Amino acid sequence: MMIIDKIALTLLVIGGLNWGSVGIFQFDLVGFIGGGQTGVVSRIIYILVGLSAVWCISLLFRDTRTTVISEPNHATTY
């Protein structure tokens, strides 16, 4: 897994937890931290979370199987 995948997943978890907090407690943590929903910091965080969601779509379609190629054994016995 590449580092950008981990960053995108972390941002996606932050976004999911924020939406959970909005749904359960009617409290927007990102808006609270970033100066309201229309604050510059909040908007940047919302944009990064949205972009990470788009990036994570690619995770659904990647082939994550690893191919192990074993080298032939050239040892001979006499």
Foldseek 3Di string as FASTA:
>chain_A
DDPLLVVLVVLLVVVVVQVVCCVPVVDRPLQVVQVHCPHPSSVVSVVSNVVSVVVCVVVVVDDPDDDDDDDDDPDDDD
